[in-house]
Amino acid sequence: MTKSELKNGMIVELENNQRYMVLNEHLINMDVYIFPLEWYSEDLIYRMEKKSIVKVYYLKTPSSLKNVFLVDSRLELIWERK
């Protein structure tokens, strides 16, 4: 998967196991921490340790924002870094 393939609403998981939602060229988490996707290379690598994207999910069913990040059964894994 590449950065250009990421779409609004997708959930990404970083090397440090934190999850973020893709929203308008940014990543946002449950604590409303936001940072831009422009910090990532096209192959989803981040220049700082433990922030590269290692998994990408689709949201299978509508959910509260809290459940999006915490309830695995609502997510469908569509890509994983090998």
PDB file of N, CA and C in Angstrom:
ATOM      1  N   MET A   1       0.848  -1.175   0.000  1.00  0.00           N
ATOM      2  CA  MET A   1       0.000   0.000   0.000  1.00  0.00           C
ATOM      3  C   MET A   1       0.892   1.235   0.000  1.00  0.00           C
ATOM      4  N   THR A   2       0.383   2.285  -0.606  1.00  0.00           N
ATOM      5  CA  THR A   2       1.121   3.541  -0.659  1.00  0.00           C
ATOM      6  C   THR A   2       0.298   4.651  -0.014  1.00  0.00           C
ATOM      7  N   LYS A   3       0.962   5.754   0.286  1.00  0.00           N
ATOM      8  CA  LYS A   3       0.295   6.889   0.902  1.00  0.00           C
ATOM      9  C   LYS A   3      -0.840   7.408   0.021  1.00  0.00           C
ATOM     10  N   SER A   4      -0.634   7.425  -1.278  1.00  0.00           N
ATOM     11  CA  SER A   4      -1.662   7.941  -2.182  1.00  0.00           C
ATOM     12  C   SER A   4      -2.909   7.055  -2.231  1.00  0.00           C
ATOM     13  N   GLU A   5      -2.819   5.815  -1.761  1.00  0.00           N
ATOM     14  CA  GLU A   5      -3.968   4.910  -1.727  1.00  0.00           C
ATOM     15  C   GLU A   5      -4.799   5.061  -0.448  1.00  0.00           C
ATOM     16  N   LEU A   6      -4.286   5.770   0.540  1.00  0.00           N
ATOM     17  CA  LEU A   6      -5.038   5.967   1.776  1.00  0.00           C
ATOM     18  C   LEU A   6      -6.243   6.861   1.519  1.00  0.00           C
ATOM     19  N   LYS A   7      -7.376   6.506   2.092  1.00  0.00           N
ATOM     20  CA  LYS A   7      -8.631   7.247   1.907  1.00  0.00           C
ATOM     21  C   LYS A   7      -9.181   7.669   3.264  1.00  0.00           C
ATOM     22  N   ASN A   8      -9.965   8.756   3.248  1.00  0.00           N
ATOM     23  CA  ASN A   8     -10.631   9.205   4.471  1.00  0.00           C
ATOM     24  C   ASN A   8     -11.390   8.048   5.112  1.00  0.00           C
ATOM     25  N   GLY A   9     -11.273   7.934   6.439  1.00  0.00           N
ATOM     26  CA  GLY A   9     -11.983   6.899   7.175  1.00  0.00           C
ATOM     27  C   GLY A   9     -11.190   5.627   7.395  1.00  0.00           C
ATOM     28  N   MET A  10     -10.111   5.425   6.648  1.00  0.00           N
ATOM     29  CA  MET A  10      -9.269   4.260   6.889  1.00  0.00           C
ATOM     30  C   MET A  10      -8.580   4.433   8.243  1.00  0.00           C
ATOM     31  N   ILE A  11      -8.284   3.314   8.877  1.00  0.00           N
ATOM     32  CA  ILE A  11      -7.576   3.313  10.150  1.00  0.00           C
ATOM     33  C   ILE A  11      -6.175   2.761   9.897  1.00  0.00           C
ATOM     34  N   VAL A  12      -5.164   3.464  10.405  1.00  0.00           N
ATOM     35  CA  VAL A  12      -3.792   2.984  10.277  1.00  0.00           C
ATOM     36  C   VAL A  12      -3.251   2.660  11.664  1.00  0.00           C
ATOM     37  N   GLU A  13      -2.369   1.692  11.705  1.00  0.00           N
ATOM     38  CA  GLU A  13      -1.703   1.329  12.958  1.00  0.00           C
ATOM     39  C   GLU A  13      -0.211   1.549  12.780  1.00  0.00           C
ATOM     40  N   LEU A  14       0.390   2.216  13.752  1.00  0.00           N
ATOM     41  CA  LEU A  14       1.809   2.526  13.688  1.00  0.00           C
ATOM     42  C   LEU A  14       2.630   1.437  14.373  1.00  0.00           C
ATOM     43  N   GLU A  15       3.934   1.510  14.208  1.00  0.00           N
ATOM     44  CA  GLU A  15       4.850   0.549  14.837  1.00  0.00           C
ATOM     45  C   GLU A  15       4.689   0.510  16.353  1.00  0.00           C
ATOM     46  N   ASN A  16       4.301   1.620  16.944  1.00  0.00           N
ATOM     47  CA  ASN A  16       4.135   1.684  18.399  1.00  0.00           C
ATOM     48  C   ASN A  16       2.740   1.233  18.848  1.00  0.00           C
ATOM     49  N   ASN A  17       1.979   0.615  17.936  1.00  0.00           N
ATOM     50  CA  ASN A  17       0.637   0.066  18.171  1.00  0.00           C
ATOM     51  C   ASN A  17      -0.454   1.111  18.346  1.00  0.00           C
ATOM     52  N   GLN A  18      -0.170   2.372  18.126  1.00  0.00           N
ATOM     53  CA  GLN A  18      -1.205   3.400  18.174  1.00  0.00           C
ATOM     54  C   GLN A  18      -1.970   3.404  16.858  1.00  0.00           C
ATOM     55  N   ARG A  19      -3.269   3.682  16.957  1.00  0.00           N
ATOM     56  CA  ARG A  19      -4.123   3.738  15.764  1.00  0.00           C
ATOM     57  C   ARG A  19      -4.588   5.162  15.516  1.00  0.00           C
ATOM     58  N   TYR A  20      -4.704   5.476  14.223  1.00  0.00           N
ATOM     59  CA  TYR A  20      -5.142   6.792  13.785  1.00  0.00           C
ATOM     60  C   TYR A  20      -6.120   6.627  12.627  1.00  0.00           C
ATOM     61  N   MET A  21      -7.011   7.588  12.476  1.00  0.00           N
ATOM     62  CA  MET A  21      -7.911   7.622  11.336  1.00  0.00           C
ATOM     63  C   MET A  21      -7.370   8.620  10.310  1.00  0.00           C
ATOM     64  N   VAL A  22      -7.466   8.240   9.048  1.00  0.00           N
ATOM     65  CA  VAL A  22      -7.084   9.142   7.965  1.00  0.00           C
ATOM     66  C   VAL A  22      -8.230  10.121   7.752  1.00  0.00           C
ATOM     67  N   LEU A  23      -7.912  11.413   7.775  1.00  0.00           N
ATOM     68  CA  LEU A  23      -8.928  12.444   7.612  1.00  0.00           C
ATOM     69  C   LEU A  23      -8.316  13.661   6.939  1.00  0.00           C
ATOM     70  N   ASN A  24      -8.693  13.884   5.691  1.00  0.00           N
ATOM     71  CA  ASN A  24      -8.243  15.067   4.943  1.00  0.00           C
ATOM     72  C   ASN A  24      -6.736  15.274   4.995  1.00  0.00           C
ATOM     73  N   GLU A  25      -5.988  14.240   4.568  1.00  0.00           N
ATOM     74  CA  GLU A  25      -4.528  14.295   4.487  1.00  0.00           C
ATOM     75  C   GLU A  25      -3.839  14.431   5.848  1.00  0.00           C
ATOM     76  N   HIS A  26      -4.551  14.031   6.893  1.00  0.00           N
ATOM     77  CA  HIS A  26      -3.996  14.039   8.248  1.00  0.00           C
ATOM     78  C   HIS A  26      -4.322  12.720   8.939  1.00  0.00           C
ATOM     79  N   LEU A  27      -3.632  12.461  10.022  1.00  0.00           N
ATOM     80  CA  LEU A  27      -3.942  11.335  10.891  1.00  0.00           C
ATOM     81  C   LEU A  27      -4.430  11.907  12.213  1.00  0.00           C
ATOM     82  N   ILE A  28      -5.539  11.363  12.722  1.00  0.00           N
ATOM     83  CA  ILE A  28      -6.124  11.835  13.966  1.00  0.00           C
ATOM     84  C   ILE A  28      -6.386  10.634  14.866  1.00  0.00           C
ATOM     85  N   ASN A  29      -6.097  10.782  16.168  1.00  0.00           N
ATOM     86  CA  ASN A  29      -6.347   9.671  17.073  1.00  0.00           C
ATOM     87  C   ASN A  29      -7.470   9.992  18.048  1.00  0.00           C
ATOM     88  N   MET A  30      -7.711   9.083  18.983  1.00  0.00           N
ATOM     89  CA  MET A  30      -8.822   9.212  19.923  1.00  0.00           C
ATOM     90  C   MET A  30      -8.670  10.446  20.821  1.00  0.00           C
ATOM     91  N   ASP A  31      -7.441  10.854  21.067  1.00  0.00           N
ATOM     92  CA  ASP A  31      -7.184  12.029  21.903  1.00  0.00           C
ATOM     93  C   ASP A  31      -7.164  13.316  21.088  1.00  0.00           C
ATOM     94  N   VAL A  32      -7.557  13.229  19.838  1.00  0.00           N
ATOM     95  CA  VAL A  32      -7.599  14.335  18.886  1.00  0.00           C
ATOM     96  C   VAL A  32      -6.196  14.909  18.646  1.00  0.00           C
ATOM     97  N   TYR A  33      -5.214  14.025  18.702  1.00  0.00           N
ATOM     98  CA  TYR A  33      -3.868  14.404  18.290  1.00  0.00           C
ATOM     99  C   TYR A  33      -3.813  14.271  16.779  1.00  0.00           C
ATOM    100  N   ILE A  34      -3.369  15.307  16.089  1.00  0.00           N
ATOM    101  CA  ILE A  34      -3.395  15.349  14.630  1.00  0.00           C
ATOM    102  C   ILE A  34      -1.990  15.626  14.095  1.00  0.00           C
ATOM    103  N   PHE A  35      -1.607  14.898  13.056  1.00  0.00           N
ATOM    104  CA  PHE A  35      -0.403  15.273  12.325  1.00  0.00           C
ATOM    105  C   PHE A  35      -0.574  14.953  10.846  1.00  0.00           C
ATOM    106  N   PRO A  36       0.136  15.685   9.988  1.00  0.00           N
ATOM    107  CA  PRO A  36      -0.090  15.577   8.541  1.00  0.00           C
ATOM    108  C   PRO A  36       0.538  14.346   7.909  1.00  0.00           C
ATOM    109  N   LEU A  37      -0.156  13.810   6.918  1.00  0.00           N
ATOM    110  CA  LEU A  37       0.378  12.686   6.144  1.00  0.00           C
ATOM    111  C   LEU A  37       1.605  13.091   5.332  1.00  0.00           C
ATOM    112  N   GLU A  38       1.790  14.372   5.104  1.00  0.00           N
ATOM    113  CA  GLU A  38       2.948  14.818   4.324  1.00  0.00           C
ATOM    114  C   GLU A  38       4.267  14.468   5.015  1.00  0.00           C
ATOM    115  N   TRP A  39       4.220  14.156   6.287  1.00  0.00           N
ATOM    116  CA  TRP A  39       5.430  13.746   7.010  1.00  0.00           C
ATOM    117  C   TRP A  39       5.868  12.333   6.642  1.00  0.00           C
ATOM    118  N   TYR A  40       5.005  11.585   5.931  1.00  0.00           N
ATOM    119  CA  TYR A  40       5.297  10.213   5.532  1.00  0.00           C
ATOM    120  C   TYR A  40       5.776  10.165   4.090  1.00  0.00           C
ATOM    121  N   SER A  41       6.682   9.211   3.817  1.00  0.00           N
ATOM    122  CA  SER A  41       7.067   8.957   2.432  1.00  0.00           C
ATOM    123  C   SER A  41       5.937   8.165   1.769  1.00  0.00           C
ATOM    124  N   GLU A  42       6.025   7.997   0.470  1.00  0.00           N
ATOM    125  CA  GLU A  42       4.977   7.289  -0.278  1.00  0.00           C
ATOM    126  C   GLU A  42       4.823   5.840   0.183  1.00  0.00           C
ATOM    127  N   ASP A  43       5.907   5.250   0.727  1.00  0.00           N
ATOM    128  CA  ASP A  43       5.824   3.865   1.213  1.00  0.00           C
ATOM    129  C   ASP A  43       5.458   3.777   2.699  1.00  0.00           C
ATOM    130  N   LEU A  44       4.854   4.859   3.243  1.00  0.00           N
ATOM    131  CA  LEU A  44       4.295   4.920   4.595  1.00  0.00           C
ATOM    132  C   LEU A  44       5.353   4.850   5.697  1.00  0.00           C
ATOM    133  N   ILE A  45       6.567   5.260   5.379  1.00  0.00           N
ATOM    134  CA  ILE A  45       7.648   5.307   6.357  1.00  0.00           C
ATOM    135  C   ILE A  45       7.743   6.720   6.917  1.00  0.00           C
ATOM    136  N   TYR A  46       7.905   6.789   8.226  1.00  0.00           N
ATOM    137  CA  TYR A  46       8.047   8.067   8.921  1.00  0.00           C
ATOM    138  C   TYR A  46       9.503   8.254   9.300  1.00  0.00           C
ATOM    139  N   ARG A  47       9.966   9.462   9.271  1.00  0.00           N
ATOM    140  CA  ARG A  47      11.383   9.724   9.501  1.00  0.00           C
ATOM    141  C   ARG A  47      11.828   9.499  10.940  1.00  0.00           C
ATOM    142  N   MET A  48      10.884   9.429  11.873  1.00  0.00           N
ATOM    143  CA  MET A  48      11.227   9.202  13.273  1.00  0.00           C
ATOM    144  C   MET A  48      10.875   7.774  13.679  1.00  0.00           C
ATOM    145  N   GLU A  49      11.583   7.266  14.641  1.00  0.00           N
ATOM    146  CA  GLU A  49      11.412   5.897  15.117  1.00  0.00           C
ATOM    147  C   GLU A  49      10.004   5.628  15.642  1.00  0.00           C
ATOM    148  N   LYS A  50       9.496   4.437  15.359  1.00  0.00           N
ATOM    149  CA  LYS A  50       8.229   3.904  15.884  1.00  0.00           C
ATOM    150  C   LYS A  50       6.970   4.608  15.378  1.00  0.00           C
ATOM    151  N   LYS A  51       7.044   5.338  14.289  1.00  0.00           N
ATOM    152  CA  LYS A  51       5.859   6.025  13.773  1.00  0.00           C
ATOM    153  C   LYS A  51       5.462   5.568  12.375  1.00  0.00           C
ATOM    154  N   SER A  52       6.220   4.649  11.773  1.00  0.00           N
ATOM    155  CA  SER A  52       5.869   4.176  10.433  1.00  0.00           C
ATOM    156  C   SER A  52       4.570   3.376  10.492  1.00  0.00           C
ATOM    157  N   ILE A  53       3.808   3.435   9.409  1.00  0.00           N
ATOM    158  CA  ILE A  53       2.538   2.718   9.327  1.00  0.00           C
ATOM    159  C   ILE A  53       2.816   1.261   8.987  1.00  0.00           C
ATOM    160  N   VAL A  54       2.259   0.355   9.804  1.00  0.00           N
ATOM    161  CA  VAL A  54       2.504  -1.072   9.596  1.00  0.00           C
ATOM    162  C   VAL A  54       1.241  -1.844   9.247  1.00  0.00           C
ATOM    163  N   LYS A  55       0.063  -1.255   9.488  1.00  0.00           N
ATOM    164  CA  LYS A  55      -1.204  -1.903   9.135  1.00  0.00           C
ATOM    165  C   LYS A  55      -2.208  -0.846   8.692  1.00  0.00           C
ATOM    166  N   VAL A  56      -3.081  -1.250   7.781  1.00  0.00           N
ATOM    167  CA  VAL A  56      -4.167  -0.375   7.321  1.00  0.00           C
ATOM    168  C   VAL A  56      -5.454  -1.191   7.376  1.00  0.00           C
ATOM    169  N   TYR A  57      -6.500  -0.567   7.904  1.00  0.00           N
ATOM    170  CA  TYR A  57      -7.798  -1.219   8.068  1.00  0.00           C
ATOM    171  C   TYR A  57      -8.905  -0.408   7.402  1.00  0.00           C
ATOM    172  N   TYR A  58      -9.954  -1.120   6.979  1.00  0.00           N
ATOM    173  CA  TYR A  58     -11.237  -0.515   6.634  1.00  0.00           C
ATOM    174  C   TYR A  58     -12.135  -0.634   7.852  1.00  0.00           C
ATOM    175  N   LEU A  59     -13.008   0.311   8.031  1.00  0.00           N
ATOM    176  CA  LEU A  59     -14.011   0.234   9.082  1.00  0.00           C
ATOM    177  C   LEU A  59     -15.196  -0.538   8.517  1.00  0.00           C
ATOM    178  N   LYS A  60     -15.485  -1.705   9.108  1.00  0.00           N
ATOM    179  CA  LYS A  60     -16.548  -2.582   8.595  1.00  0.00           C
ATOM    180  C   LYS A  60     -17.942  -2.074   8.945  1.00  0.00           C
ATOM    181  N   THR A  61     -18.110  -1.551  10.139  1.00  0.00           N
ATOM    182  CA  THR A  61     -19.423  -1.092  10.579  1.00  0.00           C
ATOM    183  C   THR A  61     -19.292   0.264  11.250  1.00  0.00           C
ATOM    184  N   PRO A  62     -20.302   1.106  11.133  1.00  0.00           N
ATOM    185  CA  PRO A  62     -20.254   2.406  11.797  1.00  0.00           C
ATOM    186  C   PRO A  62     -20.065   2.221  13.302  1.00  0.00           C
ATOM    187  N   SER A  63     -19.381   3.179  13.897  1.00  0.00           N
ATOM    188  CA  SER A  63     -19.057   3.038  15.307  1.00  0.00           C
ATOM    189  C   SER A  63     -18.723   4.394  15.903  1.00  0.00           C
ATOM    190  N   SER A  64     -18.703   4.436  17.226  1.00  0.00           N
ATOM    191  CA  SER A  64     -18.221   5.644  17.890  1.00  0.00           C
ATOM    192  C   SER A  64     -16.722   5.753  17.631  1.00  0.00           C
ATOM    193  N   LEU A  65     -16.189   6.933  17.740  1.00  0.00           N
ATOM    194  CA  LEU A  65     -14.768   7.131  17.491  1.00  0.00           C
ATOM    195  C   LEU A  65     -13.925   6.280  18.442  1.00  0.00           C
ATOM    196  N   LYS A  66     -14.351   6.155  19.688  1.00  0.00           N
ATOM    197  CA  LYS A  66     -13.624   5.341  20.662  1.00  0.00           C
ATOM    198  C   LYS A  66     -13.550   3.885  20.199  1.00  0.00           C
ATOM    199  N   ASN A  67     -14.668   3.331  19.751  1.00  0.00           N
ATOM    200  CA  ASN A  67     -14.688   1.938  19.302  1.00  0.00           C
ATOM    201  C   ASN A  67     -13.868   1.712  18.043  1.00  0.00           C
ATOM    202  N   VAL A  68     -13.760   2.721  17.210  1.00  0.00           N
ATOM    203  CA  VAL A  68     -12.956   2.601  15.995  1.00  0.00           C
ATOM    204  C   VAL A  68     -11.521   2.235  16.353  1.00  0.00           C
ATOM    205  N   PHE A  69     -11.012   2.799  17.419  1.00  0.00           N
ATOM    206  CA  PHE A  69      -9.624   2.579  17.795  1.00  0.00           C
ATOM    207  C   PHE A  69      -9.427   1.386  18.725  1.00  0.00           C
ATOM    208  N   LEU A  70     -10.487   0.955  19.414  1.00  0.00           N
ATOM    209  CA  LEU A  70     -10.318  -0.058  20.453  1.00  0.00           C
ATOM    210  C   LEU A  70     -10.971  -1.408  20.171  1.00  0.00           C
ATOM    211  N   VAL A  71     -11.934  -1.471  19.266  1.00  0.00           N
ATOM    212  CA  VAL A  71     -12.673  -2.719  19.036  1.00  0.00           C
ATOM    213  C   VAL A  71     -12.246  -3.311  17.698  1.00  0.00           C
ATOM    214  N   ASP A  72     -11.407  -4.339  17.761  1.00  0.00           N
ATOM    215  CA  ASP A  72     -10.865  -4.948  16.553  1.00  0.00           C
ATOM    216  C   ASP A  72     -11.930  -5.557  15.646  1.00  0.00           C
ATOM    217  N   SER A  73     -13.043  -6.027  16.201  1.00  0.00           N
ATOM    218  CA  SER A  73     -14.067  -6.688  15.393  1.00  0.00           C
ATOM    219  C   SER A  73     -14.733  -5.727  14.407  1.00  0.00           C
ATOM    220  N   ARG A  74     -14.583  -4.440  14.599  1.00  0.00           N
ATOM    221  CA  ARG A  74     -15.159  -3.453  13.677  1.00  0.00           C
ATOM    222  C   ARG A  74     -14.227  -3.129  12.514  1.00  0.00           C
ATOM    223  N   LEU A  75     -13.024  -3.691  12.552  1.00  0.00           N
ATOM    224  CA  LEU A  75     -12.014  -3.378  11.545  1.00  0.00           C
ATOM    225  C   LEU A  75     -11.699  -4.583  10.672  1.00  0.00           C
ATOM    226  N   GLU A  76     -11.416  -4.303   9.408  1.00  0.00           N
ATOM    227  CA  GLU A  76     -10.973  -5.342   8.472  1.00  0.00           C
ATOM    228  C   GLU A  76      -9.570  -4.976   7.992  1.00  0.00           C
ATOM    229  N   LEU A  77      -8.602  -5.815   8.309  1.00  0.00           N
ATOM    230  CA  LEU A  77      -7.215  -5.583   7.891  1.00  0.00           C
ATOM    231  C   LEU A  77      -7.123  -5.710   6.377  1.00  0.00           C
ATOM    232  N   ILE A  78      -6.608  -4.677   5.718  1.00  0.00           N
ATOM    233  CA  ILE A  78      -6.478  -4.733   4.261  1.00  0.00           C
ATOM    234  C   ILE A  78      -5.026  -4.689   3.800  1.00  0.00           C
ATOM    235  N   TRP A  79      -4.109  -4.339   4.704  1.00  0.00           N
ATOM    236  CA  TRP A  79      -2.690  -4.299   4.354  1.00  0.00           C
ATOM    237  C   TRP A  79      -1.851  -4.405   5.614  1.00  0.00           C
ATOM    238  N   GLU A  80      -0.731  -5.134   5.517  1.00  0.00           N
ATOM    239  CA  GLU A  80       0.202  -5.248   6.642  1.00  0.00           C
ATOM    240  C   GLU A  80       1.612  -5.277   6.107  1.00  0.00           C
ATOM    241  N   ARG A  81       2.491  -4.493   6.711  1.00  0.00           N
ATOM    242  CA  ARG A  81       3.892  -4.464   6.306  1.00  0.00           C
ATOM    243  C   ARG A  81       4.562  -5.788   6.680  1.00  0.00           C
ATOM    244  N   LYS A  82       5.263  -6.362   5.756  1.00  0.00           N
ATOM    245  CA  LYS A  82       5.961  -7.634   6.024  1.00  0.00           C
ATOM    246  C   LYS A  82       7.366  -7.383   6.482  1.00  0.00           C
TER     247      LYS A  82
END
